[in-house]
Protein backbone atom coordinates (compact mmCIF):
# COMPACT_ATOMS: atom_id res chain seq x y z
CA MET A 1 10.42 -20.97 11.61
CA ASN A 2 12.08 -17.60 12.11
CA ILE A 3 9.52 -14.86 12.75
CA LEU A 4 10.80 -12.66 9.96
CA SER A 5 11.81 -15.22 7.38
CA ILE A 6 9.41 -13.15 5.28
CA PHE A 7 12.35 -11.11 4.06
CA ILE A 8 14.01 -14.10 2.47
CA GLY A 9 10.93 -15.79 1.14
CA PHE A 10 8.46 -13.01 0.37
CA LEU A 11 9.15 -13.21 -3.36
CA ILE A 12 8.25 -16.88 -3.54
CA ALA A 13 5.57 -17.17 -0.86
CA ASN A 14 1.99 -16.86 -1.99
CA VAL A 15 -0.95 -17.04 0.35
CA ASN A 16 -3.72 -18.16 -1.97
CA GLY A 17 -4.49 -14.68 -3.24
CA GLN A 18 -4.85 -13.13 0.22
CA PHE A 19 -3.11 -9.85 0.81
CA CYS A 20 -1.65 -8.23 3.88
CA SER A 21 -1.65 -4.57 4.78
CA VAL A 22 1.75 -4.46 6.47
CA CYS A 23 0.78 -1.35 8.46
CA GLY A 24 -2.60 -2.76 9.47
CA ASP A 25 -6.14 -2.37 8.20
CA ASN A 26 -6.84 0.88 6.37
CA LYS A 27 -3.27 2.11 6.92
CA GLU A 28 -0.33 2.69 4.61
CA ILE A 29 3.34 3.57 4.85
CA THR A 30 4.31 7.23 4.78
CA ASN A 31 8.07 6.73 4.54
CA PRO A 32 8.54 4.48 1.48
CA ASP A 33 12.30 4.97 1.20
CA ALA A 34 13.02 3.96 4.79
CA ILE A 35 14.83 0.68 5.25
CA PHE A 36 13.46 -1.84 7.72
CA SER A 37 16.05 -4.12 9.25
CA PHE A 38 15.75 -7.02 11.65
CA PRO A 39 18.66 -9.05 13.05
CA GLU A 40 19.81 -11.90 10.83
CA GLN A 41 17.46 -10.86 8.01
CA PRO A 42 18.10 -8.89 4.82
CA SER A 43 17.02 -5.26 4.90
CA ILE A 44 14.07 -4.16 2.78
CA SER A 45 12.57 -0.80 1.90
CA CYS A 46 9.19 0.00 3.41
CA GLU A 47 7.82 0.43 -0.11
CA GLY A 48 9.07 -3.03 -1.06
CA LEU A 49 7.48 -4.53 2.02
CA GLN A 50 4.15 -2.81 1.36
CA THR A 51 4.18 -3.95 -2.28
CA ALA A 52 4.90 -7.51 -1.22
CA GLY A 53 1.91 -7.36 1.11
CA GLU A 54 -0.37 -5.96 -1.59
CA PHE A 55 0.55 -8.81 -3.94
CA GLY A 56 -0.12 -11.48 -1.33
CA LEU A 57 3.56 -12.31 -0.88
CA VAL A 58 3.61 -11.73 2.87
CA PRO A 59 2.41 -14.78 4.81
CA ILE A 60 -0.97 -13.89 6.26
CA ASN A 61 0.00 -15.03 9.76
CA TYR A 62 2.65 -12.27 9.87
CA CYS A 63 0.07 -9.54 9.29
CA ASP A 64 -1.03 -9.45 12.93
CA PHE A 65 2.36 -8.48 14.39
CA LEU A 66 4.18 -6.85 11.46
CA PRO A 67 2.59 -3.39 11.99
CA MET A 68 4.06 -3.20 15.51
CA LEU A 69 7.53 -3.87 14.13
CA ILE A 70 7.51 -1.40 11.25
CA VAL A 71 5.38 1.53 12.49
CA ASN A 72 8.32 3.66 13.73
CA VAL A 73 10.47 3.08 10.65
CA CYS A 74 7.88 3.06 7.88
CA GLY A 75 5.58 5.70 9.35
CA CYS A 76 2.26 3.87 9.20
CA ALA A 77 -0.76 6.20 9.01
CA VAL A 78 -4.45 6.01 8.15
CA LYS A 79 -4.96 6.00 4.37
CA THR A 80 -6.12 9.26 2.93
CA PRO A 81 -9.07 8.90 0.59
CA GLU A 82 -8.25 9.42 -3.05
CA SER A 83 -9.78 12.48 -4.62
CA PRO A 84 -12.26 11.75 -7.38
CA PRO A 85 -10.98 12.64 -10.84
CA GLU A 86 -11.89 16.03 -12.14
CA PRO A 87 -14.86 15.83 -14.48
CA GLN A 88 -13.96 16.38 -18.08
CA SER A 89 -16.07 18.91 -19.80
CA CYS A 90 -17.13 19.01 -23.39
CA SER A 91 -19.03 22.04 -24.52
CA VAL A 92 -20.69 21.95 -27.90
CA CYS A 93 -21.24 25.71 -27.63
CA GLY A 94 -17.63 26.64 -26.94
CA ASP A 95 -15.57 27.53 -23.89
CA ASN A 96 -17.50 28.88 -20.90
CA LEU A 97 -20.84 28.63 -22.74
CA GLU A 98 -23.82 26.42 -21.93
CA ILE A 99 -26.75 25.05 -23.88
CA SER A 100 -29.72 27.30 -23.17
CA ASN A 101 -32.34 25.25 -25.03
CA PRO A 102 -31.71 21.54 -24.32
CA ASP A 103 -34.82 20.37 -26.26
């Protein structure tokens, strides 16, 4: 089997619900529009490759070596934590006012 036959079969391969972080554990691509190419394989955008991994379409045995192949093109970096959503306020007293007698 060709090492990167992933690019031909990633849309039909399914690895029993397992997913692959194509940049490695706790990492993500930083250059989604970059195109990753490998000889004798179709080219694919880094975003497309990451999405395929997230949906379990990248064979799990490719996950160990794929980060080494794409890091320079796709710009793999440690994931930045998502900011928590801003709390939504609801004031029964009106804007910039607080309840002074909660009982």
